[in-house]
């Protein structure tokens, strides 16, 4: 908590966030869908994966991140 997201990097199904404050950066590995859902943002066109915008967070959410400035 309290750290600044400076950069988000992705290669294939691997994603890592570079955070200000110290050298430790969280890393994520995406499963079969490899999807990320962002509230209010339409998903990528290349996927058949869809999110029900009336239900938040999406049904199979594993991690939800919030930012002070939205």
Foldseek 3Di string as FASTA:
>chain_A
DPWAFPDWDDDVQKIWTDTPDDDDIDIDGDPDQSDDDDQPDAGDPVDPDDADNVDPPGDPDDDDDDDPVD
